[in-house]
């Protein structure tokens, strides 16, 4: 099913998203890859405010972004050519962020965009925190970049391409892979394939 969603979004809005849904995302998302994730993770653990929510961590300057209700895109874009907002903007392999993701979900992060499978720990945290994991199409970075209408580095500029960017997207295409109930498209698609194959034999 095709759905149009606006970000940031609430937990209640996520209830309507199911594994397998095709979605078009509009609004504000933030880029962050493994180096930025590690820096945020370490900042939280060393802050003395490990139990604080995302808004408090942002207000105290511990996190550069209030992750509450927001979406992180696992992205390290290529340099933009003249006249472009951003360079090629394809997703990074999500497992690189698995170590850091549960803590950010606990702080209010509602969505992630990447590619590939997630660990059992991340899946459990997605369900516990009622979040959602989207997949973008790998290898289509040039096309995806056309959906990014604004982009600016807002934190960790010393990380270069892995700096955190605030981006305004319009009808950014993605697929719900893991929904807030833990339904996992990577598992159901395989099961459906073999079930259909067995029925044909």
C-alpha atoms as a PDB file:
ATOM      1  CA  UNK A   1       0.000   0.000   0.000  1.00  0.00           C
ATOM      2  CA  UNK A   2       1.296   3.492  -0.884  1.00  0.00           C
ATOM      3  CA  UNK A   3       1.170   6.099   1.877  1.00  0.00           C
ATOM      4  CA  UNK A   4       2.265   9.718   2.152  1.00  0.00           C
ATOM      5  CA  UNK A   5       3.670  10.707   5.553  1.00  0.00           C
ATOM      6  CA  UNK A   6       5.048  13.890   7.050  1.00  0.00           C
ATOM      7  CA  UNK A   7       7.981  13.959   9.446  1.00  0.00           C
ATOM      8  CA  UNK A   8       8.502  14.433  12.309  1.00  0.00           C
ATOM      9  CA  UNK A   9       5.653  12.116  13.310  1.00  0.00           C
ATOM     10  CA  UNK A  10       4.088  10.883  16.540  1.00  0.00           C
ATOM     11  CA  UNK A  11       3.864   7.353  17.919  1.00  0.00           C
ATOM     12  CA  UNK A  12       0.137   7.351  17.111  1.00  0.00           C
ATOM     13  CA  UNK A  13       0.853   8.087  13.446  1.00  0.00           C
ATOM     14  CA  UNK A  14       3.320   5.199  13.292  1.00  0.00           C
ATOM     15  CA  UNK A  15       0.582   2.734  14.190  1.00  0.00           C
ATOM     16  CA  UNK A  16      -0.780   3.108  10.653  1.00  0.00           C
ATOM     17  CA  UNK A  17       2.488   1.988   9.059  1.00  0.00           C
ATOM     18  CA  UNK A  18       2.879  -1.716   8.344  1.00  0.00           C
ATOM     19  CA  UNK A  19       5.807  -3.775   7.105  1.00  0.00           C
ATOM     20  CA  UNK A  20       5.622  -3.826   3.313  1.00  0.00           C
ATOM     21  CA  UNK A  21       4.005  -0.402   2.923  1.00  0.00           C
ATOM     22  CA  UNK A  22       5.487   1.867   0.273  1.00  0.00           C
ATOM     23  CA  UNK A  23       5.766   5.380   1.694  1.00  0.00           C
ATOM     24  CA  UNK A  24       6.610   8.835   0.416  1.00  0.00           C
ATOM     25  CA  UNK A  25       8.207  10.916   3.153  1.00  0.00           C
ATOM     26  CA  UNK A  26       8.026  14.708   3.286  1.00  0.00           C
ATOM     27  CA  UNK A  27       9.340  17.045   5.946  1.00  0.00           C
ATOM     28  CA  UNK A  28      12.574  17.281   7.909  1.00  0.00           C
ATOM     29  CA  UNK A  29      14.990  14.387   8.406  1.00  0.00           C
ATOM     30  CA  UNK A  30      18.555  14.314   9.704  1.00  0.00           C
ATOM     31  CA  UNK A  31      21.512  12.469   8.252  1.00  0.00           C
ATOM     32  CA  UNK A  32      23.784  10.514  10.584  1.00  0.00           C
ATOM     33  CA  UNK A  33      26.156   7.635   9.935  1.00  0.00           C
ATOM     34  CA  UNK A  34      28.291   5.529  12.262  1.00  0.00           C
ATOM     35  CA  UNK A  35      30.816   8.210  13.234  1.00  0.00           C
ATOM     36  CA  UNK A  36      28.044  10.654  14.194  1.00  0.00           C
ATOM     37  CA  UNK A  37      26.124   7.907  15.979  1.00  0.00           C
ATOM     38  CA  UNK A  38      29.187   6.983  18.023  1.00  0.00           C
ATOM     39  CA  UNK A  39      29.738  10.591  19.001  1.00  0.00           C
ATOM     40  CA  UNK A  40      26.131  11.036  20.140  1.00  0.00           C
ATOM     41  CA  UNK A  41      26.196   7.697  21.966  1.00  0.00           C
ATOM     42  CA  UNK A  42      29.422   8.554  23.793  1.00  0.00           C
ATOM     43  CA  UNK A  43      28.149  12.038  24.636  1.00  0.00           C
ATOM     44  CA  UNK A  44      25.035  10.612  26.301  1.00  0.00           C
ATOM     45  CA  UNK A  45      26.927   8.003  28.305  1.00  0.00           C
ATOM     46  CA  UNK A  46      29.533  10.465  29.546  1.00  0.00           C
ATOM     47  CA  UNK A  47      27.079  13.296  30.276  1.00  0.00           C
ATOM     48  CA  UNK A  48      25.707  12.163  33.606  1.00  0.00           C
ATOM     49  CA  UNK A  49      22.232  12.510  32.088  1.00  0.00           C
ATOM     50  CA  UNK A  50      21.866   8.983  30.712  1.00  0.00           C
ATOM     51  CA  UNK A  51      18.256   8.832  31.943  1.00  0.00           C
ATOM     52  CA  UNK A  52      17.200  12.139  30.375  1.00  0.00           C
ATOM     53  CA  UNK A  53      14.907  12.278  27.345  1.00  0.00           C
ATOM     54  CA  UNK A  54      15.954  13.524  23.927  1.00  0.00           C
ATOM     55  CA  UNK A  55      14.590  17.040  24.426  1.00  0.00           C
ATOM     56  CA  UNK A  56      16.514  17.500  27.671  1.00  0.00           C
ATOM     57  CA  UNK A  57      19.721  16.155  26.126  1.00  0.00           C
ATOM     58  CA  UNK A  58      19.356  18.635  23.270  1.00  0.00           C
ATOM     59  CA  UNK A  59      18.556  21.581  25.539  1.00  0.00           C
ATOM     60  CA  UNK A  60      21.641  20.855  27.638  1.00  0.00           C
ATOM     61  CA  UNK A  61      23.822  20.721  24.507  1.00  0.00           C
ATOM     62  CA  UNK A  62      24.630  17.033  24.914  1.00  0.00           C
ATOM     63  CA  UNK A  63      22.973  16.087  21.635  1.00  0.00           C
ATOM     64  CA  UNK A  64      23.132  18.391  18.592  1.00  0.00           C
ATOM     65  CA  UNK A  65      19.614  17.357  17.550  1.00  0.00           C
ATOM     66  CA  UNK A  66      16.447  16.687  19.512  1.00  0.00           C
ATOM     67  CA  UNK A  67      15.786  13.174  18.230  1.00  0.00           C
ATOM     68  CA  UNK A  68      12.268  13.160  19.720  1.00  0.00           C
ATOM     69  CA  UNK A  69       9.744  12.067  17.034  1.00  0.00           C
ATOM     70  CA  UNK A  70      12.415  12.569  14.377  1.00  0.00           C
ATOM     71  CA  UNK A  71      13.931  10.400  11.637  1.00  0.00           C
ATOM     72  CA  UNK A  72      17.611   9.681  11.030  1.00  0.00           C
ATOM     73  CA  UNK A  73      18.731   8.829   7.508  1.00  0.00           C
ATOM     74  CA  UNK A  74      21.881   6.708   7.412  1.00  0.00           C
ATOM     75  CA  UNK A  75      23.528   8.847   4.784  1.00  0.00           C
ATOM     76  CA  UNK A  76      26.963  10.109   3.829  1.00  0.00           C
ATOM     77  CA  UNK A  77      26.357  12.025   0.590  1.00  0.00           C
ATOM     78  CA  UNK A  78      28.903  12.758  -2.096  1.00  0.00           C
ATOM     79  CA  UNK A  79      29.826  16.442  -2.616  1.00  0.00           C
ATOM     80  CA  UNK A  80      27.144  18.440  -4.392  1.00  0.00           C
ATOM     81  CA  UNK A  81      27.870  19.590  -7.906  1.00  0.00           C
ATOM     82  CA  UNK A  82      27.259  23.181  -8.894  1.00  0.00           C
ATOM     83  CA  UNK A  83      23.559  23.959  -8.797  1.00  0.00           C
ATOM     84  CA  UNK A  84      22.723  20.887  -6.696  1.00  0.00           C
ATOM     85  CA  UNK A  85      21.409  20.810  -3.133  1.00  0.00           C
ATOM     86  CA  UNK A  86      23.301  17.612  -2.302  1.00  0.00           C
ATOM     87  CA  UNK A  87      25.332  14.929  -4.033  1.00  0.00           C
ATOM     88  CA  UNK A  88      24.420  11.292  -4.450  1.00  0.00           C
ATOM     89  CA  UNK A  89      22.296  10.390  -1.420  1.00  0.00           C
ATOM     90  CA  UNK A  90      21.959   6.614  -1.207  1.00  0.00           C
ATOM     91  CA  UNK A  91      21.532   4.777   2.103  1.00  0.00           C
ATOM     92  CA  UNK A  92      24.336   3.280   4.184  1.00  0.00           C
ATOM     93  CA  UNK A  93      24.227  -0.271   5.521  1.00  0.00           C
ATOM     94  CA  UNK A  94      22.163   0.009   8.691  1.00  0.00           C
ATOM     95  CA  UNK A  95      23.964  -2.645  10.736  1.00  0.00           C
ATOM     96  CA  UNK A  96      26.805  -0.175  11.260  1.00  0.00           C
ATOM     97  CA  UNK A  97      24.468   1.782  13.527  1.00  0.00           C
ATOM     98  CA  UNK A  98      23.063  -1.206  15.447  1.00  0.00           C
ATOM     99  CA  UNK A  99      25.262  -0.742  18.522  1.00  0.00           C
ATOM    100  CA  UNK A 100      24.060   2.824  19.022  1.00  0.00           C
ATOM    101  CA  UNK A 101      20.435   2.631  17.867  1.00  0.00           C
ATOM    102  CA  UNK A 102      18.647   1.258  20.980  1.00  0.00           C
ATOM    103  CA  UNK A 103      19.868   4.161  23.119  1.00  0.00           C
ATOM    104  CA  UNK A 104      18.656   6.745  20.593  1.00  0.00           C
ATOM    105  CA  UNK A 105      15.307   4.981  20.310  1.00  0.00           C
ATOM    106  CA  UNK A 106      14.983   5.210  24.084  1.00  0.00           C
ATOM    107  CA  UNK A 107      15.540   8.964  23.779  1.00  0.00           C
ATOM    108  CA  UNK A 108      12.577   9.381  21.436  1.00  0.00           C
ATOM    109  CA  UNK A 109      13.839   8.634  17.929  1.00  0.00           C
ATOM    110  CA  UNK A 110      10.843   7.467  15.884  1.00  0.00           C
ATOM    111  CA  UNK A 111      12.280   6.431  12.544  1.00  0.00           C
ATOM    112  CA  UNK A 112      15.381   5.319  10.682  1.00  0.00           C
ATOM    113  CA  UNK A 113      16.109   5.076   6.958  1.00  0.00           C
ATOM    114  CA  UNK A 114      18.840   2.781   5.721  1.00  0.00           C
ATOM    115  CA  UNK A 115      19.346  -0.541   3.981  1.00  0.00           C
ATOM    116  CA  UNK A 116      19.807  -4.107   5.123  1.00  0.00           C
ATOM    117  CA  UNK A 117      18.904  -6.165   8.165  1.00  0.00           C
ATOM    118  CA  UNK A 118      18.925  -5.043  11.801  1.00  0.00           C
ATOM    119  CA  UNK A 119      20.103  -6.951  14.865  1.00  0.00           C
ATOM    120  CA  UNK A 120      17.691  -8.674  17.219  1.00  0.00           C
ATOM    121  CA  UNK A 121      18.522  -6.064  19.851  1.00  0.00           C
ATOM    122  CA  UNK A 122      17.502  -3.254  17.502  1.00  0.00           C
ATOM    123  CA  UNK A 123      14.300  -5.023  16.475  1.00  0.00           C
ATOM    124  CA  UNK A 124      13.393  -5.526  20.130  1.00  0.00           C
ATOM    125  CA  UNK A 125      14.042  -1.839  20.813  1.00  0.00           C
ATOM    126  CA  UNK A 126      11.934  -0.793  17.810  1.00  0.00           C
ATOM    127  CA  UNK A 127       8.988  -2.691  19.294  1.00  0.00           C
ATOM    128  CA  UNK A 128       9.570  -1.471  22.856  1.00  0.00           C
ATOM    129  CA  UNK A 129       9.784   2.159  21.728  1.00  0.00           C
ATOM    130  CA  UNK A 130       7.127   1.898  19.002  1.00  0.00           C
ATOM    131  CA  UNK A 131       9.403   3.137  16.227  1.00  0.00           C
ATOM    132  CA  UNK A 132       9.786   2.129  12.566  1.00  0.00           C
ATOM    133  CA  UNK A 133      12.618   1.187  10.212  1.00  0.00           C
ATOM    134  CA  UNK A 134      12.453   2.189   6.551  1.00  0.00           C
ATOM    135  CA  UNK A 135      14.605   0.976   3.678  1.00  0.00           C
ATOM    136  CA  UNK A 136      15.614   3.199   0.799  1.00  0.00           C
ATOM    137  CA  UNK A 137      16.787   1.727  -2.492  1.00  0.00           C
ATOM    138  CA  UNK A 138      20.533   1.149  -2.531  1.00  0.00           C
ATOM    139  CA  UNK A 139      22.281   2.155  -5.759  1.00  0.00           C
ATOM    140  CA  UNK A 140      19.737   4.883  -6.496  1.00  0.00           C
ATOM    141  CA  UNK A 141      21.543   7.719  -4.727  1.00  0.00           C
ATOM    142  CA  UNK A 142      21.379  10.124  -7.659  1.00  0.00           C
ATOM    143  CA  UNK A 143      17.618   9.692  -7.942  1.00  0.00           C
ATOM    144  CA  UNK A 144      17.052   9.927  -4.193  1.00  0.00           C
ATOM    145  CA  UNK A 145      19.020  13.184  -4.054  1.00  0.00           C
ATOM    146  CA  UNK A 146      16.351  14.828  -6.223  1.00  0.00           C
ATOM    147  CA  UNK A 147      13.886  14.369  -3.339  1.00  0.00           C
ATOM    148  CA  UNK A 148      16.121  16.392  -1.006  1.00  0.00           C
ATOM    149  CA  UNK A 149      15.134  20.038  -1.431  1.00  0.00           C
ATOM    150  CA  UNK A 150      17.305  21.623   1.293  1.00  0.00           C
ATOM    151  CA  UNK A 151      20.419  20.453   3.108  1.00  0.00           C
ATOM    152  CA  UNK A 152      22.688  22.088   5.669  1.00  0.00           C
ATOM    153  CA  UNK A 153      25.364  20.768   8.020  1.00  0.00           C
ATOM    154  CA  UNK A 154      24.270  21.478  11.597  1.00  0.00           C
ATOM    155  CA  UNK A 155      26.748  19.450  13.677  1.00  0.00           C
ATOM    156  CA  UNK A 156      30.048  17.560  13.636  1.00  0.00           C
ATOM    157  CA  UNK A 157      31.293  19.300  10.486  1.00  0.00           C
ATOM    158  CA  UNK A 158      34.761  17.901  11.215  1.00  0.00           C
ATOM    159  CA  UNK A 159      33.393  14.498  10.189  1.00  0.00           C
ATOM    160  CA  UNK A 160      33.111  15.641   6.592  1.00  0.00           C
ATOM    161  CA  UNK A 161      30.595  13.565   4.688  1.00  0.00           C
ATOM    162  CA  UNK A 162      29.508  11.961   7.974  1.00  0.00           C
ATOM    163  CA  UNK A 163      28.510  15.280   9.553  1.00  0.00           C
ATOM    164  CA  UNK A 164      24.909  15.631  10.695  1.00  0.00           C
ATOM    165  CA  UNK A 165      22.751  17.374   8.124  1.00  0.00           C
ATOM    166  CA  UNK A 166      19.283  18.825   8.456  1.00  0.00           C
ATOM    167  CA  UNK A 167      17.429  18.028   5.262  1.00  0.00           C
ATOM    168  CA  UNK A 168      14.024  18.920   3.890  1.00  0.00           C
ATOM    169  CA  UNK A 169      12.684  16.086   1.755  1.00  0.00           C
ATOM    170  CA  UNK A 170       9.690  15.872  -0.549  1.00  0.00           C
ATOM    171  CA  UNK A 171       8.068  12.554  -1.478  1.00  0.00           C
ATOM    172  CA  UNK A 172      11.202  10.620  -0.537  1.00  0.00           C
ATOM    173  CA  UNK A 173      10.444   6.969  -1.459  1.00  0.00           C
ATOM    174  CA  UNK A 174      11.002   4.213   1.087  1.00  0.00           C
ATOM    175  CA  UNK A 175       9.586   0.888   2.223  1.00  0.00           C
ATOM    176  CA  UNK A 176       8.523   0.021   5.761  1.00  0.00           C
ATOM    177  CA  UNK A 177      10.747  -2.942   6.636  1.00  0.00           C
ATOM    178  CA  UNK A 178      10.152  -3.243  10.391  1.00  0.00           C
ATOM    179  CA  UNK A 179       6.995  -1.726  11.809  1.00  0.00           C
ATOM    180  CA  UNK A 180       6.211  -0.756  15.391  1.00  0.00           C
ATOM    181  CA  UNK A 181       4.840  -4.229  16.098  1.00  0.00           C
ATOM    182  CA  UNK A 182       8.037  -5.923  14.979  1.00  0.00           C
ATOM    183  CA  UNK A 183       6.722  -7.283  11.693  1.00  0.00           C
ATOM    184  CA  UNK A 184       9.798  -7.704   9.515  1.00  0.00           C
ATOM    185  CA  UNK A 185       9.497  -7.556   5.718  1.00  0.00           C
ATOM    186  CA  UNK A 186      12.831  -9.303   5.236  1.00  0.00           C
ATOM    187  CA  UNK A 187      11.427 -12.334   7.044  1.00  0.00           C
ATOM    188  CA  UNK A 188       7.879 -12.325   5.677  1.00  0.00           C
ATOM    189  CA  UNK A 189       9.047 -11.814   2.084  1.00  0.00           C
ATOM    190  CA  UNK A 190      11.287 -14.873   2.304  1.00  0.00           C
ATOM    191  CA  UNK A 191       8.545 -16.940   3.903  1.00  0.00           C
ATOM    192  CA  UNK A 192       6.022 -15.845   1.263  1.00  0.00           C
ATOM    193  CA  UNK A 193       8.469 -16.675  -1.523  1.00  0.00           C
ATOM    194  CA  UNK A 194       9.086 -20.205  -0.336  1.00  0.00           C
ATOM    195  CA  UNK A 195       5.401 -20.725   0.434  1.00  0.00           C
ATOM    196  CA  UNK A 196       4.471 -19.676  -3.106  1.00  0.00           C
ATOM    197  CA  UNK A 197       7.226 -21.812  -4.575  1.00  0.00           C
ATOM    198  CA  UNK A 198       6.062 -24.858  -2.643  1.00  0.00           C
ATOM    199  CA  UNK A 199       2.512 -24.321  -3.859  1.00  0.00           C
ATOM    200  CA  UNK A 200       3.699 -24.353  -7.467  1.00  0.00           C
ATOM    201  CA  UNK A 201       5.587 -27.625  -7.098  1.00  0.00           C
END
